[in-house]
Amino acid sequence: MKILQISTQVFRCPPDGYGGLEGVCFDLAVELLKLGHQVAVVAPKGSNVPGAEMIMPCEASPANPEAQAYAAYKDRLKEFDICHNHSWAAHVYLAKMDNPDLRVIDTIHSMQPWSSAPPVKFPCLVGASKYHAQLLSGIYGVHVEIVYHGIQLETYEPNPPFKPISERKYLLYVARISVFKGAHEFVALCHKLKIPGIVVGEDQFVDDQKYVRRVMDSCDGKRVQYLGRVPRGSEQMVELMQNAKAVIAPLIPPYGEIFGLSCPETMASGTPFVSTDCGAAKELIVEGKTGFVVPSINELADAVQKLDTINPHDCIIRAQAFHRAKMARDYVALYEKIMRGEPW
């Protein structure tokens, strides 16, 4: 098949640091190429997916000039068997409205990117988890398929022998520095348990810089260290994950994590993941074997006390379910479904 992958115009593909959506788009394109498909990628200038045709109409920008990018590639859409959108505004549906035969599929990367579903008969929406698909179905009133995100497992997997959890000294927070991700609750947890903690997360592309400053100020550099931005998949990030007792996700309602790439990345590192029950965590974590999912912030401390019972090898085995190669195969199955005339 000839497949077009449409990323955002915010970050390059692959992203230099922060950029989960752009990372998923890159990993999917790489694996589709391995499967023998022709792949083109719409992404900002400076992007590079080896082996793919790169369509790069815009400079990377937080303003996300998707309309400008669409104007540059819209006349080419009919060249592709499948047009797979990952971008936020989903301009490709404008083309489908004019040409219903255009095969468009959209992976939604947030809880609710639009006020209503694209005004086409078969929008072919995909969620990143069962939780996500059910949420979107309820919002938009259409069927939503499911494909779990995938990662490059080899980047994270430690060399045996795996360091026992009991010998590890610190807890780790890996997420955007935002209120609903609970960075402040992580700091409070470390102080409560008198366990060292490290805060890692995107602190520039955030909604509230005052909150970032409060979190930074609460990290004393002794009990809790603030590192801020550490590139995803970098040697530093992998080392932090491999040596942590656990990665903690103190998510706060009404927010729900639609997938959370840091969860399989953590497990692939041989490290348990602990999350509040806000989103897809129960679909990723094997309770008591690769981590814990707790009802609320108040139960995080009890979960941390049980971390030593977890075998790092079990975490690594579980992460294999989220290899990017599996993600690509699952998407190909959906592409073939559309090609057979079975859109949804």
Protein backbone atom coordinates (compact mmCIF):
# COMPACT_ATOMS: atom_id res chain seq x y z
CA MET A 1 0.00 0.00 0.00
CA LYS A 2 0.96 3.62 -0.49
CA ILE A 3 0.35 5.29 2.87
CA LEU A 4 0.45 8.93 3.93
CA GLN A 5 1.15 9.71 7.59
CA ILE A 6 0.16 13.25 8.61
CA SER A 7 1.88 14.55 11.73
CA THR A 8 1.49 17.95 13.41
CA GLN A 9 3.52 21.03 12.54
CA VAL A 10 4.52 21.59 16.16
CA PHE A 11 7.52 19.26 16.51
CA ARG A 12 9.76 17.50 14.04
CA CYS A 13 9.27 13.81 13.31
CA PRO A 14 10.90 12.24 15.24
CA PRO A 15 10.75 14.88 17.98
CA ASP A 16 13.99 16.18 19.44
CA GLY A 17 12.64 15.92 22.98
CA TYR A 18 8.99 16.27 24.00
CA GLY A 19 6.45 15.08 21.44
CA GLY A 20 4.62 11.81 22.08
CA LEU A 21 2.28 12.15 19.10
CA GLU A 22 5.17 12.86 16.75
CA GLY A 23 7.08 9.93 18.22
CA VAL A 24 4.18 7.56 17.56
CA CYS A 25 3.92 8.83 13.98
CA PHE A 26 7.65 8.22 13.46
CA ASP A 27 7.62 4.73 14.98
CA LEU A 28 4.60 3.73 12.92
CA ALA A 29 6.16 5.01 9.68
CA VAL A 30 9.41 3.13 10.39
CA GLU A 31 7.61 -0.16 10.94
CA LEU A 32 5.30 0.28 7.93
CA LEU A 33 8.41 0.66 5.78
CA LYS A 34 9.81 -2.57 7.24
CA LEU A 35 6.57 -4.30 6.22
CA GLY A 36 7.21 -3.26 2.63
CA HIS A 37 4.74 -0.40 2.27
CA GLN A 38 5.45 2.92 0.54
CA VAL A 39 5.26 5.67 3.14
CA ALA A 40 5.15 9.45 2.90
CA VAL A 41 5.15 11.66 6.00
CA VAL A 42 3.83 15.21 6.38
CA ALA A 43 5.90 16.88 9.09
CA PRO A 44 7.82 20.12 9.75
CA LYS A 45 11.07 20.98 8.04
CA GLY A 46 14.04 19.12 9.53
CA SER A 47 12.05 15.90 10.03
CA ASN A 48 13.57 12.62 8.89
CA VAL A 49 12.05 9.18 8.54
CA PRO A 50 14.71 7.15 6.68
CA GLY A 51 13.18 5.48 3.62
CA ALA A 52 10.01 7.59 3.61
CA GLU A 53 9.13 10.46 1.30
CA MET A 54 9.17 13.59 3.44
CA ILE A 55 6.63 16.35 2.74
CA MET A 56 7.80 19.29 4.84
CA PRO A 57 5.95 22.53 3.98
CA CYS A 58 6.43 24.44 7.26
CA GLU A 59 8.91 25.23 9.98
CA ALA A 60 8.18 23.56 13.32
CA SER A 61 6.16 25.98 15.43
CA PRO A 62 4.06 25.99 18.63
CA ALA A 63 1.48 27.87 16.53
CA ASN A 64 1.03 24.61 14.55
CA PRO A 65 0.37 25.94 11.02
CA GLU A 66 -1.67 22.91 9.92
CA ALA A 67 -3.81 24.92 7.50
CA GLN A 68 -0.68 26.11 5.70
CA ALA A 69 0.64 22.54 5.55
CA TYR A 70 -2.70 21.23 4.25
CA ALA A 71 -2.66 23.76 1.42
CA ALA A 72 0.71 22.33 0.36
CA TYR A 73 -0.25 18.63 0.35
CA LYS A 74 -4.02 18.52 -0.32
CA ASP A 75 -3.66 18.08 -4.08
CA ARG A 76 -1.60 14.94 -3.51
CA LEU A 77 -4.03 13.07 -1.26
CA LYS A 78 -5.58 11.11 -4.13
CA GLU A 79 -2.16 9.51 -4.80
CA PHE A 80 -2.39 7.43 -1.60
CA ASP A 81 -4.30 4.28 -0.76
CA ILE A 82 -4.59 5.41 2.86
CA CYS A 83 -4.33 8.90 4.36
CA HIS A 84 -3.62 8.46 8.07
CA ASN A 85 -4.07 11.63 10.11
CA HIS A 86 -2.43 12.27 13.49
CA SER A 87 -2.65 16.07 13.43
CA TRP A 88 -4.91 18.06 15.71
CA ALA A 89 -7.12 19.99 13.28
CA ALA A 90 -7.54 17.09 10.83
CA HIS A 91 -7.77 19.23 7.70
CA VAL A 92 -7.67 16.06 5.59
CA TYR A 93 -11.39 15.62 6.29
CA LEU A 94 -12.04 18.78 4.24
CA ALA A 95 -10.72 16.84 1.26
CA LYS A 96 -12.83 13.80 2.14
CA MET A 97 -15.96 15.96 2.24
CA ASP A 98 -15.28 16.90 -1.40
CA ASN A 99 -14.10 13.40 -2.33
CA PRO A 100 -15.92 10.70 -0.31
CA ASP A 101 -13.83 7.98 -1.96
CA LEU A 102 -10.70 9.29 -0.23
CA ARG A 103 -9.64 6.69 2.37
CA VAL A 104 -8.97 8.60 5.58
CA ILE A 105 -8.25 7.19 9.03
CA ASP A 106 -7.61 9.32 12.11
CA THR A 107 -5.77 8.40 15.30
CA ILE A 108 -6.97 10.72 18.04
CA HIS A 109 -4.24 11.69 20.49
CA SER A 110 -6.22 13.44 23.22
CA MET A 111 -9.40 13.09 25.23
CA GLN A 112 -11.48 15.40 23.00
CA PRO A 113 -9.75 17.32 20.18
CA TRP A 114 -12.96 18.49 18.42
CA SER A 115 -16.42 19.62 19.45
CA SER A 116 -18.00 17.13 17.03
CA ALA A 117 -16.97 14.25 14.77
CA PRO A 118 -15.79 15.05 11.23
CA PRO A 119 -18.90 15.55 9.03
CA VAL A 120 -18.33 12.54 6.81
CA LYS A 121 -20.22 9.25 6.61
CA PHE A 122 -17.31 7.09 7.80
CA PRO A 123 -14.73 9.05 9.85
CA CYS A 124 -12.73 5.88 10.72
CA LEU A 125 -11.57 7.08 14.13
CA VAL A 126 -9.02 5.18 16.24
CA GLY A 127 -8.36 5.44 19.96
CA ALA A 128 -5.20 4.48 21.82
CA SER A 129 -6.93 2.18 24.36
CA LYS A 130 -10.28 0.66 25.24
CA TYR A 131 -10.80 3.46 27.74
CA HIS A 132 -10.07 6.03 25.05
CA ALA A 133 -12.24 4.42 22.37
CA GLN A 134 -15.22 4.21 24.73
CA LEU A 135 -14.75 7.83 25.80
CA LEU A 136 -14.62 9.04 22.18
CA SER A 137 -17.58 6.90 21.16
CA GLY A 138 -19.66 8.49 23.88
CA ILE A 139 -18.59 12.00 22.89
CA TYR A 140 -18.92 11.73 19.12
CA GLY A 141 -21.59 9.07 18.68
CA VAL A 142 -19.57 6.95 16.25
CA HIS A 143 -17.76 3.62 16.49
CA VAL A 144 -14.08 3.94 17.36
CA GLU A 145 -11.48 1.24 16.71
CA ILE A 146 -8.54 0.54 19.04
CA VAL A 147 -4.80 0.31 18.39
CA TYR A 148 -2.41 0.52 21.32
CA HIS A 149 0.60 2.73 20.84
CA GLY A 150 3.95 1.01 20.39
CA ILE A 151 7.51 1.85 21.35
CA GLN A 152 10.98 0.74 20.34
CA LEU A 153 11.51 -1.70 23.20
CA GLU A 154 15.20 -2.22 22.49
CA THR A 155 15.90 1.38 23.51
CA TYR A 156 14.84 0.71 27.11
CA GLU A 157 15.57 -2.91 27.93
CA PRO A 158 18.41 -3.31 30.46
CA ASN A 159 21.14 -5.91 30.21
CA PRO A 160 20.77 -8.80 32.68
CA PRO A 161 21.18 -9.33 35.54
CA PHE A 162 18.36 -6.93 36.34
CA LYS A 163 18.83 -4.78 39.43
CA PRO A 164 16.30 -5.84 42.11
CA ILE A 165 13.70 -3.22 43.06
CA SER A 166 14.81 -3.47 46.69
CA GLU A 167 18.26 -2.16 45.79
CA ARG A 168 16.97 0.92 43.99
CA LYS A 169 16.89 4.20 45.86
CA TYR A 170 14.48 6.68 44.24
CA LEU A 171 11.02 7.18 42.78
CA LEU A 172 10.62 8.87 39.40
CA TYR A 173 8.03 11.20 37.89
CA VAL A 174 7.99 11.32 34.07
CA ALA A 175 5.25 13.51 32.61
CA ARG A 176 4.39 17.03 31.58
CA ILE A 177 4.60 19.44 34.50
CA SER A 178 0.90 20.18 34.81
CA VAL A 179 -1.66 20.15 37.59
CA PHE A 180 -3.70 17.20 36.27
CA LYS A 181 -0.55 15.06 35.90
CA GLY A 182 0.06 15.55 39.62
CA ALA A 183 3.71 16.59 39.85
CA HIS A 184 2.95 18.34 43.15
CA GLU A 185 1.42 15.15 44.55
CA PHE A 186 4.56 13.22 43.56
CA VAL A 187 6.73 15.64 45.53
CA ALA A 188 4.41 15.35 48.53
CA LEU A 189 4.54 11.54 48.31
CA CYS A 190 8.34 11.48 48.39
CA HIS A 191 8.41 13.73 51.45
CA LYS A 192 5.73 11.66 53.18
CA LEU A 193 7.59 8.38 52.65
CA LYS A 194 11.04 9.93 53.11
CA ILE A 195 12.12 8.37 49.79
CA PRO A 196 14.29 10.28 47.29
CA GLY A 197 12.46 11.43 44.18
CA ILE A 198 13.34 12.84 40.78
CA VAL A 199 10.98 15.00 38.72
CA VAL A 200 11.39 14.79 34.95
CA GLY A 201 8.99 16.44 32.53
CA GLU A 202 8.19 18.91 29.82
CA ASP A 203 8.08 22.36 31.42
CA GLN A 204 8.06 24.71 28.43
CA PHE A 205 5.02 23.61 26.39
CA VAL A 206 2.67 23.85 29.36
CA ASP A 207 -0.45 25.81 30.26
CA ASP A 208 0.70 27.27 33.58
CA GLN A 209 4.27 28.43 34.12
CA LYS A 210 3.38 29.56 37.65
CA TYR A 211 2.57 25.95 38.48
CA VAL A 212 5.90 24.82 37.04
CA ARG A 213 7.68 27.34 39.29
CA ARG A 214 5.75 26.05 42.35
CA VAL A 215 6.81 22.49 41.61
CA MET A 216 10.42 23.55 41.07
CA ASP A 217 10.41 25.47 44.35
CA SER A 218 8.99 22.45 46.21
CA CYS A 219 11.93 20.31 45.09
CA ASP A 220 14.65 20.95 47.66
CA GLY A 221 17.46 19.25 45.71
CA LYS A 222 17.98 16.83 48.60
CA ARG A 223 14.87 14.73 49.08
CA VAL A 224 13.48 15.59 45.62
CA GLN A 225 15.48 16.73 42.60
CA TYR A 226 14.00 18.68 39.70
CA LEU A 227 15.55 17.82 36.33
CA GLY A 228 12.87 19.18 34.02
CA ARG A 229 13.23 18.36 30.34
CA VAL A 230 15.00 15.09 29.53
CA PRO A 231 14.54 13.84 25.93
CA ARG A 232 12.36 10.77 25.56
CA GLY A 233 14.45 7.70 24.76
CA SER A 234 17.73 9.46 25.50
CA GLU A 235 20.52 7.69 27.34
CA GLN A 236 19.80 9.84 30.40
CA MET A 237 16.10 9.03 30.40
CA VAL A 238 16.70 5.30 29.96
CA GLU A 239 19.19 5.26 32.81
CA LEU A 240 16.77 7.12 35.07
CA MET A 241 14.02 4.61 34.34
CA GLN A 242 16.21 1.52 34.70
CA ASN A 243 17.42 2.57 38.14
CA ALA A 244 14.16 3.81 39.66
CA LYS A 245 12.12 1.84 42.19
CA ALA A 246 9.09 2.86 40.15
CA VAL A 247 7.67 5.57 37.96
CA ILE A 248 4.71 7.21 39.68
CA ALA A 249 1.77 8.75 37.81
CA PRO A 250 -0.40 10.61 40.37
CA LEU A 251 -3.08 11.56 37.82
CA ILE A 252 -5.96 13.69 39.05
CA PRO A 253 -9.61 13.47 37.85
CA PRO A 254 -11.33 14.47 35.66
CA TYR A 255 -8.21 13.93 33.55
CA GLY A 256 -7.77 10.47 32.04
CA GLU A 257 -4.57 9.18 30.45
CA ILE A 258 -5.62 7.79 27.05
CA PHE A 259 -2.51 5.56 26.93
CA GLY A 260 0.66 7.02 28.40
CA LEU A 261 3.86 6.12 26.54
CA SER A 262 5.90 6.37 29.73
CA CYS A 263 4.13 3.27 31.09
CA PRO A 264 5.41 0.70 28.54
CA GLU A 265 8.74 2.55 28.40
CA THR A 266 9.06 2.12 32.16
CA MET A 267 8.13 -1.55 32.08
CA ALA A 268 10.53 -2.16 29.17
CA SER A 269 13.23 -0.73 31.44
CA GLY A 270 12.51 -3.44 34.03
CA THR A 271 10.78 -0.99 36.33
CA PRO A 272 7.24 -1.07 37.78
CA PHE A 273 4.70 1.65 37.04
CA VAL A 274 2.25 2.97 39.64
CA SER A 275 -0.74 5.07 38.61
CA THR A 276 -3.98 6.37 39.96
CA ASP A 277 -6.99 4.89 38.18
CA CYS A 278 -7.48 7.69 35.67
CA GLY A 279 -7.64 6.33 32.14
CA ALA A 280 -6.02 3.32 30.50
CA ALA A 281 -3.60 2.26 33.25
CA LYS A 282 -5.48 -0.97 34.04
CA GLU A 283 -5.12 -2.03 30.40
CA LEU A 284 -1.35 -1.65 30.45
CA ILE A 285 -0.30 -2.66 33.97
CA VAL A 286 -0.62 -6.20 35.28
CA GLU A 287 -1.74 -5.54 38.83
CA GLY A 288 0.80 -6.64 41.43
CA LYS A 289 3.12 -8.04 38.76
CA THR A 290 4.30 -5.03 36.74
CA GLY A 291 2.97 -2.26 38.98
CA PHE A 292 -0.15 -1.04 40.73
CA VAL A 293 -3.27 0.96 39.84
CA VAL A 294 -4.79 2.65 42.88
CA PRO A 295 -8.19 4.33 43.31
CA SER A 296 -6.80 7.70 44.35
CA ILE A 297 -3.76 9.69 45.45
CA ASN A 298 -4.32 8.49 49.02
CA GLU A 299 -3.41 4.89 48.14
CA LEU A 300 -0.12 5.64 46.35
CA ALA A 301 1.93 5.30 49.54
CA ASP A 302 0.62 1.77 50.18
CA ALA A 303 1.50 0.76 46.62
CA VAL A 304 5.06 2.06 46.99
CA GLN A 305 5.51 -0.08 50.09
CA LYS A 306 4.79 -3.19 47.96
CA LEU A 307 7.21 -2.45 45.12
CA ASP A 308 9.89 -4.87 46.32
CA THR A 309 7.59 -7.79 45.48
CA ILE A 310 7.82 -7.05 41.75
CA ASN A 311 10.25 -8.91 39.48
CA PRO A 312 11.85 -6.61 36.83
CA HIS A 313 11.76 -9.48 34.31
CA ASP A 314 7.94 -9.56 34.50
CA CYS A 315 7.86 -5.87 33.61
CA ILE A 316 10.03 -6.47 30.54
CA ILE A 317 7.86 -9.36 29.37
CA ARG A 318 4.69 -7.27 29.71
CA ALA A 319 6.20 -4.41 27.69
CA GLN A 320 6.60 -6.71 24.70
CA ALA A 321 2.86 -6.37 24.08
CA PHE A 322 3.52 -2.74 23.13
CA HIS A 323 6.27 -3.11 20.53
CA ARG A 324 5.96 -0.63 17.69
CA ALA A 325 6.03 -3.52 15.20
CA LYS A 326 2.76 -4.82 16.67
CA MET A 327 1.26 -1.34 16.44
CA ALA A 328 2.11 -1.26 12.72
CA ARG A 329 0.60 -4.68 12.09
CA ASP A 330 -2.59 -3.66 13.88
CA TYR A 331 -2.87 -0.51 11.78
CA VAL A 332 -2.28 -2.47 8.57
CA ALA A 333 -5.24 -4.66 9.54
CA LEU A 334 -7.39 -1.52 9.78
CA TYR A 335 -6.03 -0.16 6.49
CA GLU A 336 -6.94 -3.46 4.81
CA LYS A 337 -10.41 -3.28 6.34
CA ILE A 338 -10.91 0.13 4.74
CA MET A 339 -9.48 -1.09 1.43
CA ARG A 340 -12.04 -3.93 1.45
CA GLY A 341 -14.82 -1.37 1.66
CA GLU A 342 -15.50 -1.89 5.39
CA PRO A 343 -15.04 1.58 6.89
CA TRP A 344 -16.60 2.51 10.22
